[in-house]
Amino acid sequence: MSGANPSAKAKPFRWTAAFLLAVLVLLGRIPDLFVHYHDWDEAAMMAQAWAMTRGQVLYKDISQFHPILSLALWVPFFHLFRPEWVPLATKAMNLVLVFVGALLIERIAFAWLASRTLSLLGGFLFVFYCSQPWATSSYGEFYLMFPVLCSVWLLFFGGEPRPAVFYLVGLLWGVAFFLKQVAVFDAIGLYSGYLYLSQSPRKTKAVATILLGLGFLSVAILTSAYFVYHRVLPEAWHSTFARALLYAYPSGGRLGRAIGLARRVFTQLGPSLPAVAGAVYVLLHRAGRRGLERLEGGAFFLVLWIWLCSDMIGLYAVGRVYAHYLTQVVPLASLLPLFILSRVEARAGKAVYLFYFLALTMFLSVAFAHAMLELRDVRWVPWPVRQSAVVADFVKRHTRDDDRIFVYRARNIDVFFLAQRLPANGIYQYPDMMVEHMHDQAEQARKRREFLSNLPAVIVVDPESRQRYVDLFVEEVLRKHYSLETSLDGLQLYTLNHR
């Protein structure tokens, strides 16, 4: 079973295409190398990974509900490099991953549509989206794209899948899931697409399903071994599933969530929408399996729509639609437009392709130039990096190695690993012990007891914070037990009285 265009033939790898994609990746991602984080969640996960190298056990000593692999990615970097170098190493890895992802998109698109121009355009779209601010943070949604894309190639374009391939695809889906739980919707969509395309007997499909499940289960067993060793398996599975579901508490009503999701799609995936709209027309005009299968590439086109619908159901079910959540559908936003563009007449098609290539390149070139000028003005050290470094230096000089610290209403979570100090109670982002944010009353009570039993030596506060959560518990603790020691680069540092 294969979703490839039957007219597509294997051709030598094109180094020209790889070079063009590499240039575009450098334009889009080099500015990212200079920052520690774009979002404080990213900084928190880096700090938590650093804590794991200091003997802290995830889900026991570290409060988190993301799966283990989303943090484990950083652990080797903290073993190999000084803490202040880890963000740079991570961003460099991300740059390489975007390039690899663009090559995967190009290979999939060529195997599907047999067009070098369209396949290159798919790679350009992928790089463009991965260079947007909402897609540059080191989140599970970003990392899960790559095992998912590998599984697409193996399942639909690697020839008739052998048993080992099904097992490997299950492994890849397991890795994606333990990077971020929402990958389960990618797996559901692609598995449904496989069942749709496959002409194999029912028994063969049953065997494939078992092998896919075994591959997924293998990853679950391997990750569980870490928690069995540390005797925290129940806590790990509770955090990964129960707490994640509590966090994904739907809000705003069904219509409000649908409108919010639609707004995100239209504002963040704009370059793909005209072509996708045309693809919707084709889908409706050629409604039904038989009509689409008469078009070259039509079968895999339907698989993409099944995959997209599954992902959208997942995003809607989460209830919260943060900007970076749309990173999960970047591969689809890069592939879906190519189908309708392949139906454009030759002369008009060249004009459309040229427009896309020039527009995407110009946009990233202008953004690159603007970012470089801004970095030059601050001597290549962005303000948040400078701010965190100054605060971390103060913390290291005024605390002992075993002292704990806390960051309240400030985004500078990188202070933990820069200062090499652990938090008071395993909380790196203060809303994680607030019921208003996590919808977990028991967790709030437990973390507040831990906080009071081991008050931090220093609490870092941003007095101009735009964080929407105000924790009255922390405010009261500050009034009773702390004094303002100093202000550094806009951040206030409170020290514990009578240490």
Foldseek 3Di string as FASTA:
>chain_A
DALFQPVFDDDDDDVVLLVVLLVLLCLLQVLQLLDLFLFLVLLQLLLVLLVVVVVADPLPQAQAQAFDVLSPVQNVVVVVDALVCSSNVVSVVLSVVLSVLLVLQLVVQCRQQVDNLLSSQLSLLSSLLCSDSLNRRSALLNVLSVLLSVLNCLLHPVPDHDLVNLLSNLLSLLSSCSRPVLSVLLVVLLLVLSVQPDPDDPVVNVSSVVSSPNSNVVSVVVSLVSCVVVVCSVSNVCSNPVLLLLLLPADDDLVRLVVVVVVLCCVSLVVLVVLLVLVVVVCVVQPDDVSQVVDRSSSVLVSLVSSVVSSVVSSSSSNDNDNNSCSNCSSSSSNNSSVSLSVDDDVVSVVVSVVSVVVSSVVSNVVSVVSVVVCVVVVSNDLLNVQLLVVLVVPLVPDDLAFAEAEALDSNLNSCSSNVHHHQRSDSYVCSLPCVRRVDPVSVVVSLVSCVVRPGQKYKYQPPHPDPDDDVSVVVCCVPFWDFDDDDSRITIIGGPPD
